[in-house]
Amino acid sequence: MKKETIKEARKRKRRRKRRLVAGLTVLFILAASAFVVVKVFTVEEVRVEGNVLYEDDLIAKTVLTDEYSWNSLYVYLKYKFVKPEAVPFIDTMEIKLSGPHTLCIEVYEKGIMGYLYVESAGENVYFDKDGFVVETSQSIIEDVPEIQGIFCEDVVLYEKLPIDSTDLKDMLTLTQTLKRNNLEPDAIIYGESDSPVLVYDNVRIPIGSQDLLTQKVERISKILPSLNGMSGVLHLENWTEETTNIVFDKDPETESPEEEVPEDGEEKPADEGAPEDSPLDPERVEEPSAGGAL
């Protein structure tokens, strides 16, 4: 056996010393990193953006779900591999780290155009701009119109509403046009003729066919503010581009048991307490001229 020389022994000692130093350096770096992760990356603020249907606190609770969620870096890395808990009406959530103490949750809600109540399911069925069912729920979302007079059964989540294709196309065109103009009604009612009636509080607006729909919606946007607090029917079902006046039929006012509204619609004498304008007389709403205000 060859005897180790003094030179080789020194080299072996130097290598051992370098490995020891390297090991200690790695341990120190790991310890320092662990200290930073534990002491620095703590959740002190959660910012939620893009949410309309849910409060910030509710969104935060769906993300910070386990015992280690106090650590911002842990939460950030966790959702790189795991999807957040499913929440109705929310498509996806993206978790970002905005500094060691701040988590940012970007919420992408499902695009909802309206909903129908499906009696067989006992739930409201919400649909998107393409007519696909995006959610079923017993809850009602504000500012989302209810569709009445159209019925369907056996709806399937993420599939199209089982409605006649022509009717579905008309309904989607109407809801999208109203949404673009920030005129979402409380409800859209389809009757026997499939002619939709828009409902805004106590004002009903039959629009007839959907020909000239864009122009009709423009008229609604100009006239509707002047009808605030009123009750009646704004007639657009026979409107054409040549029309100069639009008729608004006021609803009869609620009378006390002792008072009756004359069947002929004539005003009562002033001493009988009748209003100045008979509630049965239609009111003509003059459209504003170009550039004018109602």
C-alpha atoms as a PDB file:
ATOM      1  CA  MET A   1       0.000   0.000   0.000  1.00  0.00           C
ATOM      2  CA  LYS A   2       1.349   3.324  -1.058  1.00  0.00           C
ATOM      3  CA  LYS A   3       2.109   5.595   1.840  1.00  0.00           C
ATOM      4  CA  GLU A   4       0.377   9.016   1.778  1.00  0.00           C
ATOM      5  CA  THR A   5       2.813  11.818   1.293  1.00  0.00           C
ATOM      6  CA  ILE A   6       2.836  14.927   3.418  1.00  0.00           C
ATOM      7  CA  LYS A   7       1.723  17.005   0.408  1.00  0.00           C
ATOM      8  CA  GLU A   8      -1.289  14.771  -0.280  1.00  0.00           C
ATOM      9  CA  ALA A   9      -2.287  14.844   3.382  1.00  0.00           C
ATOM     10  CA  ARG A  10      -2.278  18.615   3.356  1.00  0.00           C
ATOM     11  CA  LYS A  11      -4.460  18.678   0.209  1.00  0.00           C
ATOM     12  CA  ARG A  12      -6.944  16.294   1.830  1.00  0.00           C
ATOM     13  CA  LYS A  13      -7.145  18.477   4.927  1.00  0.00           C
ATOM     14  CA  ARG A  14      -7.701  21.600   2.794  1.00  0.00           C
ATOM     15  CA  ARG A  15     -10.525  19.858   0.862  1.00  0.00           C
ATOM     16  CA  ARG A  16     -12.142  18.770   4.121  1.00  0.00           C
ATOM     17  CA  LYS A  17     -11.861  22.283   5.457  1.00  0.00           C
ATOM     18  CA  ARG A  18     -13.428  23.767   2.285  1.00  0.00           C
ATOM     19  CA  ARG A  19     -16.324  21.279   2.449  1.00  0.00           C
ATOM     20  CA  LEU A  20     -16.881  22.159   6.094  1.00  0.00           C
ATOM     21  CA  VAL A  21     -16.866  25.893   5.327  1.00  0.00           C
ATOM     22  CA  ALA A  22     -19.234  25.356   2.374  1.00  0.00           C
ATOM     23  CA  GLY A  23     -21.587  23.294   4.514  1.00  0.00           C
ATOM     24  CA  LEU A  24     -21.623  25.888   7.257  1.00  0.00           C
ATOM     25  CA  THR A  25     -22.198  28.637   4.686  1.00  0.00           C
ATOM     26  CA  VAL A  26     -25.190  26.753   3.252  1.00  0.00           C
ATOM     27  CA  LEU A  27     -26.602  26.197   6.727  1.00  0.00           C
ATOM     28  CA  PHE A  28     -26.161  29.875   7.505  1.00  0.00           C
ATOM     29  CA  ILE A  29     -27.897  30.911   4.272  1.00  0.00           C
ATOM     30  CA  LEU A  30     -30.763  28.490   4.953  1.00  0.00           C
ATOM     31  CA  ALA A  31     -31.124  29.744   8.502  1.00  0.00           C
ATOM     32  CA  ALA A  32     -31.047  33.364   7.365  1.00  0.00           C
ATOM     33  CA  SER A  33     -33.579  32.618   4.624  1.00  0.00           C
ATOM     34  CA  ALA A  34     -35.859  30.863   7.075  1.00  0.00           C
ATOM     35  CA  PHE A  35     -35.584  33.837   9.421  1.00  0.00           C
ATOM     36  CA  VAL A  36     -36.472  36.243   6.601  1.00  0.00           C
ATOM     37  CA  VAL A  37     -39.379  34.085   5.420  1.00  0.00           C
ATOM     38  CA  VAL A  38     -40.799  33.775   8.933  1.00  0.00           C
ATOM     39  CA  LYS A  39     -40.140  37.278  10.214  1.00  0.00           C
ATOM     40  CA  VAL A  40     -40.423  39.409   7.066  1.00  0.00           C
ATOM     41  CA  PHE A  41     -43.049  37.764   4.830  1.00  0.00           C
ATOM     42  CA  THR A  42     -46.104  38.274   7.006  1.00  0.00           C
ATOM     43  CA  VAL A  43     -49.593  39.140   5.771  1.00  0.00           C
ATOM     44  CA  GLU A  44     -50.467  42.604   7.017  1.00  0.00           C
ATOM     45  CA  GLU A  45     -52.636  43.789   4.112  1.00  0.00           C
ATOM     46  CA  VAL A  46     -54.847  42.037   1.537  1.00  0.00           C
ATOM     47  CA  ARG A  47     -55.923  44.060  -1.484  1.00  0.00           C
ATOM     48  CA  VAL A  48     -58.852  42.748  -3.535  1.00  0.00           C
ATOM     49  CA  GLU A  49     -59.459  44.136  -7.017  1.00  0.00           C
ATOM     50  CA  GLY A  50     -62.086  43.458  -9.680  1.00  0.00           C
ATOM     51  CA  ASN A  51     -64.807  42.246  -7.317  1.00  0.00           C
ATOM     52  CA  VAL A  52     -68.347  43.590  -7.544  1.00  0.00           C
ATOM     53  CA  LEU A  53     -70.556  40.799  -6.226  1.00  0.00           C
ATOM     54  CA  TYR A  54     -68.592  39.974  -3.060  1.00  0.00           C
ATOM     55  CA  GLU A  55     -67.057  41.942  -0.215  1.00  0.00           C
ATOM     56  CA  ASP A  56     -63.258  42.081   0.123  1.00  0.00           C
ATOM     57  CA  ASP A  57     -63.312  40.132   3.409  1.00  0.00           C
ATOM     58  CA  LEU A  58     -65.178  37.199   1.878  1.00  0.00           C
ATOM     59  CA  ILE A  59     -62.704  36.968  -1.009  1.00  0.00           C
ATOM     60  CA  ALA A  60     -59.756  37.120   1.404  1.00  0.00           C
ATOM     61  CA  LYS A  61     -61.208  34.291   3.512  1.00  0.00           C
ATOM     62  CA  THR A  62     -61.411  32.005   0.467  1.00  0.00           C
ATOM     63  CA  VAL A  63     -57.671  32.508  -0.117  1.00  0.00           C
ATOM     64  CA  LEU A  64     -56.309  32.523   3.456  1.00  0.00           C
ATOM     65  CA  THR A  65     -57.615  29.081   4.334  1.00  0.00           C
ATOM     66  CA  ASP A  66     -55.006  27.237   6.441  1.00  0.00           C
ATOM     67  CA  GLU A  67     -52.759  27.652   9.465  1.00  0.00           C
ATOM     68  CA  TYR A  68     -49.822  28.926   7.393  1.00  0.00           C
ATOM     69  CA  SER A  69     -51.750  31.642   5.619  1.00  0.00           C
ATOM     70  CA  TRP A  70     -50.188  34.269   7.880  1.00  0.00           C
ATOM     71  CA  ASN A  71     -47.103  33.991   5.662  1.00  0.00           C
ATOM     72  CA  SER A  72     -47.414  35.996   2.447  1.00  0.00           C
ATOM     73  CA  LEU A  73     -44.706  34.097   0.564  1.00  0.00           C
ATOM     74  CA  TYR A  74     -46.308  30.773   1.452  1.00  0.00           C
ATOM     75  CA  VAL A  75     -49.711  31.950   0.177  1.00  0.00           C
ATOM     76  CA  TYR A  76     -48.196  33.273  -3.036  1.00  0.00           C
ATOM     77  CA  LEU A  77     -46.280  30.048  -3.771  1.00  0.00           C
ATOM     78  CA  LYS A  78     -49.218  27.853  -2.740  1.00  0.00           C
ATOM     79  CA  TYR A  79     -51.512  29.288  -5.391  1.00  0.00           C
ATOM     80  CA  LYS A  80     -48.884  28.830  -8.057  1.00  0.00           C
ATOM     81  CA  PHE A  81     -49.750  25.128  -7.846  1.00  0.00           C
ATOM     82  CA  VAL A  82     -53.227  25.038  -6.292  1.00  0.00           C
ATOM     83  CA  LYS A  83     -56.414  26.718  -7.524  1.00  0.00           C
ATOM     84  CA  PRO A  84     -58.288  28.860  -4.981  1.00  0.00           C
ATOM     85  CA  GLU A  85     -61.527  27.516  -3.591  1.00  0.00           C
ATOM     86  CA  ALA A  86     -64.404  27.756  -6.083  1.00  0.00           C
ATOM     87  CA  VAL A  87     -66.713  30.695  -5.405  1.00  0.00           C
ATOM     88  CA  PRO A  88     -70.064  31.171  -7.197  1.00  0.00           C
ATOM     89  CA  PHE A  89     -70.077  33.875  -9.898  1.00  0.00           C
ATOM     90  CA  ILE A  90     -66.255  34.089  -9.911  1.00  0.00           C
ATOM     91  CA  ASP A  91     -64.338  32.695 -12.866  1.00  0.00           C
ATOM     92  CA  THR A  92     -60.758  32.888 -11.580  1.00  0.00           C
ATOM     93  CA  MET A  93     -58.655  34.591  -8.920  1.00  0.00           C
ATOM     94  CA  GLU A  94     -55.001  35.535  -9.362  1.00  0.00           C
ATOM     95  CA  ILE A  95     -52.838  35.976  -6.257  1.00  0.00           C
ATOM     96  CA  LYS A  96     -49.857  38.332  -6.457  1.00  0.00           C
ATOM     97  CA  LEU A  97     -47.239  39.486  -3.971  1.00  0.00           C
ATOM     98  CA  SER A  98     -46.987  43.262  -3.748  1.00  0.00           C
ATOM     99  CA  GLY A  99     -44.222  43.593  -1.186  1.00  0.00           C
ATOM    100  CA  PRO A 100     -43.443  41.215   1.697  1.00  0.00           C
ATOM    101  CA  HIS A 101     -46.485  42.271   3.723  1.00  0.00           C
ATOM    102  CA  THR A 102     -49.117  42.769   1.011  1.00  0.00           C
ATOM    103  CA  LEU A 103     -51.114  40.218  -0.964  1.00  0.00           C
ATOM    104  CA  CYS A 104     -53.058  41.346  -4.034  1.00  0.00           C
ATOM    105  CA  ILE A 105     -56.020  39.214  -5.156  1.00  0.00           C
ATOM    106  CA  GLU A 106     -57.215  39.967  -8.685  1.00  0.00           C
ATOM    107  CA  VAL A 107     -60.791  38.730  -9.127  1.00  0.00           C
ATOM    108  CA  TYR A 108     -62.279  37.892 -12.518  1.00  0.00           C
ATOM    109  CA  GLU A 109     -66.031  37.585 -12.142  1.00  0.00           C
ATOM    110  CA  LYS A 110     -68.185  35.716 -14.605  1.00  0.00           C
ATOM    111  CA  GLY A 111     -69.833  37.956 -17.197  1.00  0.00           C
ATOM    112  CA  ILE A 112     -73.517  37.748 -16.279  1.00  0.00           C
ATOM    113  CA  MET A 113     -76.176  39.157 -18.608  1.00  0.00           C
ATOM    114  CA  GLY A 114     -79.338  37.990 -16.853  1.00  0.00           C
ATOM    115  CA  TYR A 115     -81.051  35.125 -15.083  1.00  0.00           C
ATOM    116  CA  LEU A 116     -84.134  32.923 -15.301  1.00  0.00           C
ATOM    117  CA  TYR A 117     -85.845  31.096 -12.493  1.00  0.00           C
ATOM    118  CA  VAL A 118     -86.044  27.367 -13.225  1.00  0.00           C
ATOM    119  CA  GLU A 119     -88.883  25.950 -11.166  1.00  0.00           C
ATOM    120  CA  SER A 120     -87.847  22.305 -11.518  1.00  0.00           C
ATOM    121  CA  ALA A 121     -84.427  23.121 -10.029  1.00  0.00           C
ATOM    122  CA  GLY A 122     -85.736  25.690  -7.565  1.00  0.00           C
ATOM    123  CA  GLU A 123     -82.844  27.970  -8.482  1.00  0.00           C
ATOM    124  CA  ASN A 124     -81.970  31.014 -10.537  1.00  0.00           C
ATOM    125  CA  VAL A 125     -79.966  30.231 -13.652  1.00  0.00           C
ATOM    126  CA  TYR A 126     -77.454  32.931 -14.634  1.00  0.00           C
ATOM    127  CA  PHE A 127     -76.183  33.133 -18.219  1.00  0.00           C
ATOM    128  CA  ASP A 128     -73.391  34.987 -20.022  1.00  0.00           C
ATOM    129  CA  LYS A 129     -73.247  36.973 -23.266  1.00  0.00           C
ATOM    130  CA  ASP A 130     -73.144  33.763 -25.332  1.00  0.00           C
ATOM    131  CA  GLY A 131     -76.093  32.152 -23.572  1.00  0.00           C
ATOM    132  CA  PHE A 132     -74.030  29.686 -21.547  1.00  0.00           C
ATOM    133  CA  VAL A 133     -75.098  28.872 -17.998  1.00  0.00           C
ATOM    134  CA  VAL A 134     -72.357  30.241 -15.744  1.00  0.00           C
ATOM    135  CA  GLU A 135     -73.976  29.651 -12.365  1.00  0.00           C
ATOM    136  CA  THR A 136     -77.069  28.321 -10.614  1.00  0.00           C
ATOM    137  CA  SER A 137     -77.986  29.759  -7.252  1.00  0.00           C
ATOM    138  CA  GLN A 138     -80.891  30.665  -5.014  1.00  0.00           C
ATOM    139  CA  SER A 139     -79.422  34.117  -4.471  1.00  0.00           C
ATOM    140  CA  ILE A 140     -80.359  37.198  -6.497  1.00  0.00           C
ATOM    141  CA  ILE A 141     -77.686  39.593  -7.726  1.00  0.00           C
ATOM    142  CA  GLU A 142     -78.501  43.284  -7.849  1.00  0.00           C
ATOM    143  CA  ASP A 143     -78.485  45.021 -11.236  1.00  0.00           C
ATOM    144  CA  VAL A 144     -78.848  41.741 -13.134  1.00  0.00           C
ATOM    145  CA  PRO A 145     -82.185  41.612 -15.006  1.00  0.00           C
ATOM    146  CA  GLU A 146     -84.606  38.764 -14.428  1.00  0.00           C
ATOM    147  CA  ILE A 147     -85.966  37.214 -17.620  1.00  0.00           C
ATOM    148  CA  GLN A 148     -89.652  36.360 -17.292  1.00  0.00           C
ATOM    149  CA  GLY A 149     -91.871  34.551 -19.784  1.00  0.00           C
ATOM    150  CA  ILE A 150     -89.104  32.303 -21.149  1.00  0.00           C
ATOM    151  CA  PHE A 151     -89.043  28.830 -19.668  1.00  0.00           C
ATOM    152  CA  CYS A 152     -86.526  26.014 -19.890  1.00  0.00           C
ATOM    153  CA  GLU A 153     -85.862  22.762 -18.102  1.00  0.00           C
ATOM    154  CA  ASP A 154     -82.845  20.533 -17.535  1.00  0.00           C
ATOM    155  CA  VAL A 155     -80.259  23.299 -17.639  1.00  0.00           C
ATOM    156  CA  VAL A 156     -76.647  22.147 -17.440  1.00  0.00           C
ATOM    157  CA  LEU A 157     -73.848  24.242 -15.973  1.00  0.00           C
ATOM    158  CA  TYR A 158     -71.460  25.606 -18.647  1.00  0.00           C
ATOM    159  CA  GLU A 159     -73.803  24.557 -21.454  1.00  0.00           C
ATOM    160  CA  LYS A 160     -76.112  26.773 -23.520  1.00  0.00           C
ATOM    161  CA  LEU A 161     -79.615  27.527 -22.334  1.00  0.00           C
ATOM    162  CA  PRO A 162     -82.024  25.014 -23.910  1.00  0.00           C
ATOM    163  CA  ILE A 163     -84.018  27.724 -25.715  1.00  0.00           C
ATOM    164  CA  ASP A 164     -85.009  28.133 -29.351  1.00  0.00           C
ATOM    165  CA  SER A 165     -81.954  29.558 -31.144  1.00  0.00           C
ATOM    166  CA  THR A 166     -83.842  32.561 -32.568  1.00  0.00           C
ATOM    167  CA  ASP A 167     -85.352  33.470 -29.194  1.00  0.00           C
ATOM    168  CA  LEU A 168     -81.966  33.058 -27.517  1.00  0.00           C
ATOM    169  CA  LYS A 169     -80.256  35.268 -30.082  1.00  0.00           C
ATOM    170  CA  ASP A 170     -82.879  38.026 -29.648  1.00  0.00           C
ATOM    171  CA  MET A 171     -82.634  37.847 -25.862  1.00  0.00           C
ATOM    172  CA  LEU A 172     -78.830  38.050 -25.904  1.00  0.00           C
ATOM    173  CA  THR A 173     -78.870  40.948 -28.366  1.00  0.00           C
ATOM    174  CA  LEU A 174     -81.291  42.850 -26.137  1.00  0.00           C
ATOM    175  CA  THR A 175     -79.440  42.217 -22.861  1.00  0.00           C
ATOM    176  CA  GLN A 176     -76.063  43.113 -24.391  1.00  0.00           C
ATOM    177  CA  THR A 177     -77.390  46.327 -25.933  1.00  0.00           C
ATOM    178  CA  LEU A 178     -78.925  47.413 -22.629  1.00  0.00           C
ATOM    179  CA  LYS A 179     -75.746  46.563 -20.695  1.00  0.00           C
ATOM    180  CA  ARG A 180     -73.549  48.552 -23.095  1.00  0.00           C
ATOM    181  CA  ASN A 181     -75.751  51.587 -22.447  1.00  0.00           C
ATOM    182  CA  ASN A 182     -75.878  51.047 -18.644  1.00  0.00           C
ATOM    183  CA  LEU A 183     -79.640  50.531 -18.872  1.00  0.00           C
ATOM    184  CA  GLU A 184     -80.027  47.118 -17.239  1.00  0.00           C
ATOM    185  CA  PRO A 185     -83.697  46.862 -16.216  1.00  0.00           C
ATOM    186  CA  ASP A 186     -85.123  45.139 -13.152  1.00  0.00           C
ATOM    187  CA  ALA A 187     -86.790  42.608 -15.429  1.00  0.00           C
ATOM    188  CA  ILE A 188     -87.448  41.769 -19.060  1.00  0.00           C
ATOM    189  CA  ILE A 189     -90.875  40.233 -19.597  1.00  0.00           C
ATOM    190  CA  TYR A 190     -91.759  38.250 -22.714  1.00  0.00           C
ATOM    191  CA  GLY A 191     -95.460  37.910 -23.480  1.00  0.00           C
ATOM    192  CA  GLU A 192     -97.468  35.826 -25.924  1.00  0.00           C
ATOM    193  CA  SER A 193     -96.122  37.741 -28.927  1.00  0.00           C
ATOM    194  CA  ASP A 194     -92.525  37.389 -27.659  1.00  0.00           C
ATOM    195  CA  SER A 195     -92.356  41.182 -27.641  1.00  0.00           C
ATOM    196  CA  PRO A 196     -90.225  42.149 -24.634  1.00  0.00           C
ATOM    197  CA  VAL A 197     -91.299  44.634 -21.982  1.00  0.00           C
ATOM    198  CA  LEU A 198     -88.561  46.332 -19.983  1.00  0.00           C
ATOM    199  CA  VAL A 199     -89.324  47.061 -16.340  1.00  0.00           C
ATOM    200  CA  TYR A 200     -87.638  49.909 -14.458  1.00  0.00           C
ATOM    201  CA  ASP A 201     -89.190  50.293 -11.008  1.00  0.00           C
ATOM    202  CA  ASN A 202     -92.819  51.152 -11.846  1.00  0.00           C
ATOM    203  CA  VAL A 203     -92.212  52.066 -15.472  1.00  0.00           C
ATOM    204  CA  ARG A 204     -92.922  49.433 -18.144  1.00  0.00           C
ATOM    205  CA  ILE A 205     -91.549  49.875 -21.652  1.00  0.00           C
ATOM    206  CA  PRO A 206     -92.856  47.582 -24.407  1.00  0.00           C
ATOM    207  CA  ILE A 207     -90.371  47.838 -27.266  1.00  0.00           C
ATOM    208  CA  GLY A 208     -92.164  45.733 -29.879  1.00  0.00           C
ATOM    209  CA  SER A 209     -89.886  44.112 -32.427  1.00  0.00           C
ATOM    210  CA  GLN A 210     -86.130  44.481 -32.017  1.00  0.00           C
ATOM    211  CA  ASP A 211     -85.840  46.371 -35.279  1.00  0.00           C
ATOM    212  CA  LEU A 212     -84.201  49.734 -34.633  1.00  0.00           C
ATOM    213  CA  LEU A 213     -83.181  48.419 -31.203  1.00  0.00           C
ATOM    214  CA  THR A 214     -80.180  50.732 -30.875  1.00  0.00           C
ATOM    215  CA  GLN A 215     -82.304  53.791 -31.638  1.00  0.00           C
ATOM    216  CA  LYS A 216     -85.007  52.694 -29.209  1.00  0.00           C
ATOM    217  CA  VAL A 217     -82.459  52.238 -26.448  1.00  0.00           C
ATOM    218  CA  GLU A 218     -81.127  55.721 -27.149  1.00  0.00           C
ATOM    219  CA  ARG A 219     -84.654  57.119 -26.680  1.00  0.00           C
ATOM    220  CA  ILE A 220     -85.030  55.221 -23.417  1.00  0.00           C
ATOM    221  CA  SER A 221     -81.748  56.634 -22.085  1.00  0.00           C
ATOM    222  CA  LYS A 222     -82.958  60.194 -22.760  1.00  0.00           C
ATOM    223  CA  ILE A 223     -86.527  59.813 -21.504  1.00  0.00           C
ATOM    224  CA  LEU A 224     -86.171  57.484 -18.507  1.00  0.00           C
ATOM    225  CA  PRO A 225     -84.582  60.028 -16.108  1.00  0.00           C
ATOM    226  CA  SER A 226     -87.620  62.307 -16.522  1.00  0.00           C
ATOM    227  CA  LEU A 227     -89.925  59.460 -15.397  1.00  0.00           C
ATOM    228  CA  ASN A 228     -88.201  58.972 -12.040  1.00  0.00           C
ATOM    229  CA  GLY A 229     -90.788  58.236  -9.349  1.00  0.00           C
ATOM    230  CA  MET A 230     -93.604  57.839 -11.877  1.00  0.00           C
ATOM    231  CA  SER A 231     -95.649  54.757 -12.701  1.00  0.00           C
ATOM    232  CA  GLY A 232     -96.980  53.811 -16.104  1.00  0.00           C
ATOM    233  CA  VAL A 233     -96.241  52.574 -19.608  1.00  0.00           C
ATOM    234  CA  LEU A 234     -93.823  54.221 -22.024  1.00  0.00           C
ATOM    235  CA  HIS A 235     -94.908  53.079 -25.484  1.00  0.00           C
ATOM    236  CA  LEU A 236     -92.084  52.231 -27.880  1.00  0.00           C
ATOM    237  CA  GLU A 237     -93.694  49.219 -29.525  1.00  0.00           C
ATOM    238  CA  ASN A 238     -94.795  51.234 -32.550  1.00  0.00           C
ATOM    239  CA  TRP A 239     -91.937  53.717 -32.597  1.00  0.00           C
ATOM    240  CA  THR A 240     -90.286  54.569 -35.923  1.00  0.00           C
ATOM    241  CA  GLU A 241     -87.534  56.986 -36.877  1.00  0.00           C
ATOM    242  CA  GLU A 242     -90.217  59.365 -38.162  1.00  0.00           C
ATOM    243  CA  THR A 243     -91.932  59.471 -34.754  1.00  0.00           C
ATOM    244  CA  THR A 244     -91.794  62.874 -33.063  1.00  0.00           C
ATOM    245  CA  ASN A 245     -93.714  62.065 -29.862  1.00  0.00           C
ATOM    246  CA  ILE A 246     -93.679  59.063 -27.551  1.00  0.00           C
ATOM    247  CA  VAL A 247     -96.727  58.398 -25.373  1.00  0.00           C
ATOM    248  CA  PHE A 248     -96.413  57.718 -21.663  1.00  0.00           C
ATOM    249  CA  ASP A 249     -99.603  56.358 -20.084  1.00  0.00           C
ATOM    250  CA  LYS A 250     -99.640  57.066 -16.370  1.00  0.00           C
ATOM    251  CA  ASP A 251    -101.073  54.402 -14.112  1.00  0.00           C
ATOM    252  CA  PRO A 252    -104.268  55.385 -12.259  1.00  0.00           C
ATOM    253  CA  GLU A 253    -103.324  56.711  -8.842  1.00  0.00           C
ATOM    254  CA  THR A 254    -104.347  54.641  -5.848  1.00  0.00           C
ATOM    255  CA  GLU A 255    -107.669  55.948  -4.605  1.00  0.00           C
ATOM    256  CA  SER A 256    -109.149  55.701  -1.109  1.00  0.00           C
ATOM    257  CA  PRO A 257    -112.285  53.477  -0.815  1.00  0.00           C
ATOM    258  CA  GLU A 258    -114.479  56.586  -0.852  1.00  0.00           C
ATOM    259  CA  GLU A 259    -113.080  57.896  -4.161  1.00  0.00           C
ATOM    260  CA  GLU A 260    -113.547  56.516  -7.632  1.00  0.00           C
ATOM    261  CA  VAL A 261    -111.891  57.398 -10.875  1.00  0.00           C
ATOM    262  CA  PRO A 262    -114.550  58.202 -13.528  1.00  0.00           C
ATOM    263  CA  GLU A 263    -114.718  55.545 -16.221  1.00  0.00           C
ATOM    264  CA  ASP A 264    -114.630  58.185 -18.969  1.00  0.00           C
ATOM    265  CA  GLY A 265    -111.304  59.481 -17.672  1.00  0.00           C
ATOM    266  CA  GLU A 266    -112.633  63.036 -17.187  1.00  0.00           C
ATOM    267  CA  GLU A 267    -111.256  65.141 -14.383  1.00  0.00           C
ATOM    268  CA  LYS A 268    -113.217  65.505 -11.201  1.00  0.00           C
ATOM    269  CA  PRO A 269    -114.188  69.009 -10.154  1.00  0.00           C
ATOM    270  CA  ALA A 270    -111.526  70.681  -8.045  1.00  0.00           C
ATOM    271  CA  ASP A 271    -113.748  70.711  -4.960  1.00  0.00           C
ATOM    272  CA  GLU A 272    -113.908  66.890  -5.068  1.00  0.00           C
ATOM    273  CA  GLY A 273    -110.162  66.647  -4.588  1.00  0.00           C
ATOM    274  CA  ALA A 274    -109.239  65.339  -8.023  1.00  0.00           C
ATOM    275  CA  PRO A 275    -105.705  65.888  -9.230  1.00  0.00           C
ATOM    276  CA  GLU A 276    -105.053  68.682 -11.695  1.00  0.00           C
ATOM    277  CA  ASP A 277    -104.233  66.177 -14.473  1.00  0.00           C
ATOM    278  CA  SER A 278    -106.462  63.122 -14.813  1.00  0.00           C
ATOM    279  CA  PRO A 279    -104.423  59.972 -14.118  1.00  0.00           C
ATOM    280  CA  LEU A 280    -106.115  58.274 -17.042  1.00  0.00           C
ATOM    281  CA  ASP A 281    -105.069  60.882 -19.585  1.00  0.00           C
ATOM    282  CA  PRO A 282    -102.009  59.799 -21.560  1.00  0.00           C
ATOM    283  CA  GLU A 283     -99.038  62.085 -21.326  1.00  0.00           C
ATOM    284  CA  ARG A 284     -97.095  62.754 -24.489  1.00  0.00           C
ATOM    285  CA  VAL A 285     -93.359  62.789 -24.014  1.00  0.00           C
ATOM    286  CA  GLU A 286     -91.689  64.989 -26.593  1.00  0.00           C
ATOM    287  CA  GLU A 287     -88.329  63.719 -27.747  1.00  0.00           C
ATOM    288  CA  PRO A 288     -85.505  66.207 -27.380  1.00  0.00           C
ATOM    289  CA  SER A 289     -84.156  67.760 -30.506  1.00  0.00           C
ATOM    290  CA  ALA A 290     -80.646  66.904 -31.548  1.00  0.00           C
ATOM    291  CA  GLY A 291     -78.304  67.968 -28.798  1.00  0.00           C
ATOM    292  CA  GLY A 292     -81.176  69.032 -26.557  1.00  0.00           C
ATOM    293  CA  ALA A 293     -82.162  67.726 -23.138  1.00  0.00           C
ATOM    294  CA  LEU A 294     -85.499  66.312 -22.136  1.00  0.00           C
END
